[in-house]
Each structure stands twice: as C-alpha cells, then as structure tokens.
Amino acid sequence: MANVDLPPLLKRVVEWLRAGYPEGVPDVDYVPLFALLGSELTNHDVELIAEDLAETSGPATAEAIKKAIAGVTNTKPSDADVNRVRARLAGAGWPLAKPHHL
C-alpha cells in the first residue's frame, strides 16, 4: 500500500494505469506515459502519481519512473509512442486518452 495520500482524481488515474498495465508499465512506456499525463495534469499531479507507482513497485521500477520523469523534461517522446500509450489507456477506460490525430 502506498504512503501517498492522493486526491480522488489522482487515485482514479492510478487505478486506470493499473487497469491499463496490469502486469506493470514497461520501461519503454514511462516517458510517453508521463508526457501524456503531463499534458493532462499538473506537474505536481504527475509527480504524486509517479511517487505512488514507485512506492508500490520494486526498486528497479521506482528508478525507471524517476528516470522517465527526468526524460520527459529532456526528451520529447515520439508521437507513435504517445499514441501507443494513449490507446492502451483508452482500452482501460481512460477518459482523457482520446485518439490523437494531427
């Protein structure tokens, strides 16, 4: 159980993430995932979600999450990666993950 006391909206986000990635988020999806979340939520919200995910996973995953957040600020994920993550979350009922067409 996480030590982070998330507001109801962020708790729902974490639930959607766990539904969309029941086996855990693969390392290659962290950067596009946090980029997508960052476009829908505040930076603070994303940090709280990442902290909750990190606390409920192993040390390697927690480190991957920290690197992904740093990566989002330094690297723009490809549109294909963001759309792949968006589609995965939409399949789990993510209401903000509508198909993105440029």
N, C-alpha and C. Protein backbone atom coordinates (compact mmCIF):
# COMPACT_ATOMS: atom_id res chain seq x y z
N MET A 1 0.84 -1.18 0.00
CA MET A 1 0.00 0.00 0.00
C MET A 1 0.88 1.23 0.00
N ALA A 2 0.54 2.20 -0.82
CA ALA A 2 1.34 3.41 -0.95
C ALA A 2 1.14 4.33 0.25
N ASN A 3 2.18 5.10 0.54
CA ASN A 3 2.09 6.07 1.62
C ASN A 3 1.54 7.41 1.15
N VAL A 4 1.44 7.58 -0.14
CA VAL A 4 0.96 8.83 -0.71
C VAL A 4 -0.55 8.91 -0.55
N ASP A 5 -1.05 10.03 -0.01
CA ASP A 5 -2.48 10.22 0.13
C ASP A 5 -2.94 11.05 -1.07
N LEU A 6 -3.36 10.35 -2.11
CA LEU A 6 -3.74 11.02 -3.35
C LEU A 6 -5.16 11.55 -3.30
N PRO A 7 -5.39 12.70 -3.94
CA PRO A 7 -6.76 13.19 -4.10
C PRO A 7 -7.55 12.19 -4.95
N PRO A 8 -8.88 12.21 -4.87
CA PRO A 8 -9.71 11.23 -5.60
C PRO A 8 -9.41 11.14 -7.10
N LEU A 9 -9.23 12.26 -7.78
CA LEU A 9 -8.94 12.21 -9.22
C LEU A 9 -7.65 11.45 -9.50
N LEU A 10 -6.62 11.73 -8.72
CA LEU A 10 -5.34 11.06 -8.94
C LEU A 10 -5.40 9.58 -8.57
N LYS A 11 -6.22 9.25 -7.56
CA LYS A 11 -6.42 7.83 -7.24
C LYS A 11 -7.04 7.11 -8.43
N ARG A 12 -8.00 7.77 -9.10
CA ARG A 12 -8.62 7.17 -10.28
C ARG A 12 -7.61 7.01 -11.40
N VAL A 13 -6.72 7.99 -11.56
CA VAL A 13 -5.67 7.90 -12.58
C VAL A 13 -4.80 6.68 -12.32
N VAL A 14 -4.38 6.49 -11.08
CA VAL A 14 -3.55 5.33 -10.73
C VAL A 14 -4.32 4.03 -10.98
N GLU A 15 -5.61 4.00 -10.65
CA GLU A 15 -6.42 2.81 -10.92
C GLU A 15 -6.48 2.52 -12.42
N TRP A 16 -6.66 3.58 -13.24
CA TRP A 16 -6.69 3.39 -14.71
C TRP A 16 -5.34 2.88 -15.20
N LEU A 17 -4.26 3.42 -14.64
CA LEU A 17 -2.93 2.96 -15.05
C LEU A 17 -2.75 1.49 -14.72
N ARG A 18 -3.20 1.10 -13.56
CA ARG A 18 -3.06 -0.31 -13.17
C ARG A 18 -3.96 -1.21 -14.00
N ALA A 19 -5.13 -0.69 -14.40
CA ALA A 19 -6.01 -1.47 -15.28
C ALA A 19 -5.42 -1.57 -16.68
N GLY A 20 -4.81 -0.48 -17.16
CA GLY A 20 -4.23 -0.47 -18.49
C GLY A 20 -2.93 -1.26 -18.56
N TYR A 21 -2.24 -1.36 -17.45
CA TYR A 21 -0.97 -2.08 -17.37
C TYR A 21 -1.01 -3.03 -16.17
N PRO A 22 -1.86 -4.07 -16.24
CA PRO A 22 -1.98 -4.95 -15.07
C PRO A 22 -0.68 -5.66 -14.71
N GLU A 23 0.20 -5.86 -15.68
CA GLU A 23 1.47 -6.52 -15.41
C GLU A 23 2.58 -5.51 -15.10
N GLY A 24 2.21 -4.23 -15.05
CA GLY A 24 3.18 -3.16 -14.79
C GLY A 24 3.52 -2.43 -16.07
N VAL A 25 3.92 -1.20 -15.94
CA VAL A 25 4.26 -0.37 -17.10
C VAL A 25 5.65 -0.78 -17.59
N PRO A 26 5.77 -1.12 -18.88
CA PRO A 26 7.10 -1.44 -19.41
C PRO A 26 7.97 -0.19 -19.44
N ASP A 27 9.26 -0.36 -19.26
CA ASP A 27 10.19 0.78 -19.23
C ASP A 27 10.03 1.69 -20.44
N VAL A 28 9.79 1.12 -21.63
CA VAL A 28 9.69 1.93 -22.85
C VAL A 28 8.45 2.81 -22.85
N ASP A 29 7.49 2.55 -21.99
CA ASP A 29 6.26 3.34 -21.96
C ASP A 29 6.28 4.46 -20.92
N TYR A 30 7.27 4.49 -20.03
CA TYR A 30 7.27 5.51 -18.99
C TYR A 30 7.37 6.93 -19.55
N VAL A 31 8.31 7.18 -20.46
CA VAL A 31 8.48 8.54 -20.97
C VAL A 31 7.21 9.01 -21.69
N PRO A 32 6.65 8.22 -22.65
CA PRO A 32 5.41 8.70 -23.28
C PRO A 32 4.24 8.77 -22.30
N LEU A 33 4.20 7.86 -21.32
CA LEU A 33 3.13 7.89 -20.32
C LEU A 33 3.16 9.19 -19.53
N PHE A 34 4.33 9.55 -19.02
CA PHE A 34 4.41 10.77 -18.22
C PHE A 34 4.29 12.02 -19.08
N ALA A 35 4.69 11.93 -20.34
CA ALA A 35 4.46 13.06 -21.26
C ALA A 35 2.96 13.25 -21.47
N LEU A 36 2.25 12.14 -21.66
CA LEU A 36 0.80 12.19 -21.85
C LEU A 36 0.12 12.71 -20.58
N LEU A 37 0.51 12.18 -19.45
CA LEU A 37 -0.08 12.66 -18.19
C LEU A 37 0.23 14.13 -17.97
N GLY A 38 1.45 14.53 -18.33
CA GLY A 38 1.85 15.92 -18.16
C GLY A 38 1.04 16.88 -19.02
N SER A 39 0.49 16.37 -20.13
CA SER A 39 -0.33 17.23 -20.97
C SER A 39 -1.76 17.33 -20.45
N GLU A 40 -2.12 16.47 -19.52
CA GLU A 40 -3.48 16.43 -18.98
C GLU A 40 -3.57 16.87 -17.52
N LEU A 41 -2.45 16.76 -16.79
CA LEU A 41 -2.42 17.05 -15.36
C LEU A 41 -1.31 18.03 -15.06
N THR A 42 -1.28 18.55 -13.85
CA THR A 42 -0.19 19.44 -13.46
C THR A 42 1.08 18.61 -13.21
N ASN A 43 2.23 19.28 -13.23
CA ASN A 43 3.48 18.59 -12.92
C ASN A 43 3.44 17.98 -11.53
N HIS A 44 2.84 18.70 -10.59
CA HIS A 44 2.73 18.17 -9.22
C HIS A 44 1.88 16.90 -9.19
N ASP A 45 0.77 16.89 -9.93
CA ASP A 45 -0.08 15.70 -10.01
C ASP A 45 0.70 14.52 -10.56
N VAL A 46 1.46 14.75 -11.63
CA VAL A 46 2.26 13.69 -12.24
C VAL A 46 3.29 13.16 -11.24
N GLU A 47 3.92 14.06 -10.50
CA GLU A 47 4.90 13.63 -9.50
C GLU A 47 4.24 12.78 -8.41
N LEU A 48 3.04 13.16 -7.97
CA LEU A 48 2.33 12.37 -6.96
C LEU A 48 1.98 10.98 -7.49
N ILE A 49 1.53 10.91 -8.73
CA ILE A 49 1.20 9.62 -9.34
C ILE A 49 2.45 8.76 -9.45
N ALA A 50 3.54 9.35 -9.91
CA ALA A 50 4.79 8.62 -10.05
C ALA A 50 5.27 8.11 -8.70
N GLU A 51 5.15 8.95 -7.67
CA GLU A 51 5.55 8.55 -6.33
C GLU A 51 4.71 7.37 -5.85
N ASP A 52 3.41 7.41 -6.09
CA ASP A 52 2.53 6.32 -5.69
C ASP A 52 2.92 5.03 -6.44
N LEU A 53 3.13 5.13 -7.74
CA LEU A 53 3.52 3.96 -8.52
C LEU A 53 4.87 3.41 -8.06
N ALA A 54 5.80 4.30 -7.76
CA ALA A 54 7.13 3.88 -7.32
C ALA A 54 7.08 3.17 -5.97
N GLU A 55 6.23 3.68 -5.07
CA GLU A 55 6.13 3.09 -3.73
C GLU A 55 5.48 1.72 -3.74
N THR A 56 4.70 1.44 -4.76
CA THR A 56 4.00 0.15 -4.81
C THR A 56 4.68 -0.82 -5.78
N SER A 57 5.92 -0.50 -6.16
CA SER A 57 6.66 -1.37 -7.06
C SER A 57 8.06 -1.59 -6.51
N GLY A 58 8.82 -2.39 -7.20
CA GLY A 58 10.18 -2.68 -6.77
C GLY A 58 11.13 -1.52 -7.01
N PRO A 59 12.32 -1.58 -6.43
CA PRO A 59 13.30 -0.50 -6.59
C PRO A 59 13.69 -0.23 -8.04
N ALA A 60 13.77 -1.25 -8.86
CA ALA A 60 14.13 -1.04 -10.27
C ALA A 60 13.06 -0.23 -10.98
N THR A 61 11.79 -0.52 -10.69
CA THR A 61 10.70 0.22 -11.30
C THR A 61 10.67 1.66 -10.79
N ALA A 62 10.90 1.83 -9.51
CA ALA A 62 10.93 3.18 -8.94
C ALA A 62 12.02 4.00 -9.62
N GLU A 63 13.17 3.40 -9.86
CA GLU A 63 14.27 4.11 -10.53
C GLU A 63 13.88 4.43 -11.97
N ALA A 64 13.22 3.50 -12.65
CA ALA A 64 12.77 3.73 -14.02
C ALA A 64 11.78 4.89 -14.08
N ILE A 65 10.90 4.98 -13.10
CA ILE A 65 9.93 6.07 -13.04
C ILE A 65 10.66 7.41 -12.87
N LYS A 66 11.63 7.46 -11.98
CA LYS A 66 12.39 8.70 -11.76
C LYS A 66 13.11 9.11 -13.04
N LYS A 67 13.72 8.14 -13.72
CA LYS A 67 14.42 8.44 -14.98
C LYS A 67 13.44 8.92 -16.04
N ALA A 68 12.25 8.32 -16.08
CA ALA A 68 11.26 8.72 -17.07
C ALA A 68 10.80 10.15 -16.85
N ILE A 69 10.59 10.53 -15.61
CA ILE A 69 10.18 11.91 -15.34
C ILE A 69 11.28 12.87 -15.76
N ALA A 70 12.53 12.53 -15.47
CA ALA A 70 13.65 13.35 -15.92
C ALA A 70 13.69 13.36 -17.45
N GLY A 71 13.41 12.22 -18.06
CA GLY A 71 13.43 12.12 -19.52
C GLY A 71 12.37 12.97 -20.18
N VAL A 72 11.22 13.09 -19.56
CA VAL A 72 10.14 13.89 -20.12
C VAL A 72 10.56 15.35 -20.19
N THR A 73 11.32 15.80 -19.22
CA THR A 73 11.74 17.19 -19.24
C THR A 73 12.88 17.43 -20.23
N ASN A 74 13.58 16.36 -20.62
CA ASN A 74 14.73 16.50 -21.51
C ASN A 74 14.52 15.92 -22.90
N THR A 75 13.52 15.07 -23.07
CA THR A 75 13.31 14.37 -24.34
C THR A 75 11.83 14.36 -24.68
N LYS A 76 11.52 14.68 -25.92
CA LYS A 76 10.13 14.59 -26.36
C LYS A 76 9.91 13.18 -26.92
N PRO A 77 8.95 12.45 -26.37
CA PRO A 77 8.68 11.11 -26.91
C PRO A 77 8.09 11.23 -28.31
N SER A 78 8.22 10.17 -29.07
CA SER A 78 7.65 10.19 -30.42
C SER A 78 6.13 10.18 -30.35
N ASP A 79 5.51 10.71 -31.39
CA ASP A 79 4.04 10.68 -31.46
C ASP A 79 3.53 9.25 -31.44
N ALA A 80 4.26 8.35 -32.10
CA ALA A 80 3.85 6.94 -32.14
C ALA A 80 3.85 6.34 -30.73
N ASP A 81 4.88 6.67 -29.92
CA ASP A 81 4.93 6.15 -28.55
C ASP A 81 3.79 6.71 -27.71
N VAL A 82 3.54 8.01 -27.83
CA VAL A 82 2.45 8.63 -27.07
C VAL A 82 1.12 8.04 -27.50
N ASN A 83 0.90 7.86 -28.79
CA ASN A 83 -0.36 7.28 -29.27
C ASN A 83 -0.53 5.83 -28.83
N ARG A 84 0.58 5.06 -28.76
CA ARG A 84 0.51 3.68 -28.29
C ARG A 84 0.05 3.64 -26.83
N VAL A 85 0.65 4.52 -26.01
CA VAL A 85 0.27 4.57 -24.59
C VAL A 85 -1.15 5.08 -24.44
N ARG A 86 -1.51 6.09 -25.22
CA ARG A 86 -2.87 6.64 -25.17
C ARG A 86 -3.89 5.54 -25.51
N ALA A 87 -3.62 4.75 -26.54
CA ALA A 87 -4.53 3.67 -26.94
C ALA A 87 -4.64 2.61 -25.84
N ARG A 88 -3.53 2.30 -25.22
CA ARG A 88 -3.54 1.30 -24.14
C ARG A 88 -4.40 1.78 -22.97
N LEU A 89 -4.25 3.05 -22.61
CA LEU A 89 -5.04 3.60 -21.51
C LEU A 89 -6.51 3.73 -21.90
N ALA A 90 -6.78 4.08 -23.15
CA ALA A 90 -8.17 4.17 -23.61
C ALA A 90 -8.84 2.81 -23.50
N GLY A 91 -8.09 1.75 -23.78
CA GLY A 91 -8.63 0.39 -23.65
C GLY A 91 -8.99 0.03 -22.22
N ALA A 92 -8.39 0.75 -21.26
CA ALA A 92 -8.69 0.51 -19.85
C ALA A 92 -9.69 1.52 -19.31
N GLY A 93 -10.29 2.33 -20.23
CA GLY A 93 -11.32 3.27 -19.80
C GLY A 93 -10.81 4.64 -19.44
N TRP A 94 -9.58 4.98 -19.83
CA TRP A 94 -9.02 6.29 -19.54
C TRP A 94 -9.82 7.34 -20.29
N PRO A 95 -10.54 8.22 -19.62
CA PRO A 95 -11.41 9.18 -20.31
C PRO A 95 -10.64 10.30 -21.02
N LEU A 96 -9.39 10.54 -20.64
CA LEU A 96 -8.63 11.62 -21.25
C LEU A 96 -7.80 11.13 -22.43
N ALA A 97 -7.75 9.82 -22.65
CA ALA A 97 -6.88 9.26 -23.67
C ALA A 97 -7.63 9.06 -24.99
N LYS A 98 -8.15 10.13 -25.50
CA LYS A 98 -8.85 10.06 -26.78
C LYS A 98 -7.84 9.97 -27.90
N PRO A 99 -8.15 9.30 -29.01
CA PRO A 99 -7.20 9.20 -30.10
C PRO A 99 -6.74 10.59 -30.54
N HIS A 100 -5.47 10.70 -30.78
CA HIS A 100 -4.85 11.98 -31.11
C HIS A 100 -4.53 11.99 -32.60
N HIS A 101 -5.16 12.87 -33.32
CA HIS A 101 -4.91 12.99 -34.75
C HIS A 101 -4.40 14.40 -35.02
N LEU A 102 -3.28 14.50 -35.72
CA LEU A 102 -2.71 15.81 -36.05
C LEU A 102 -3.24 16.31 -37.36
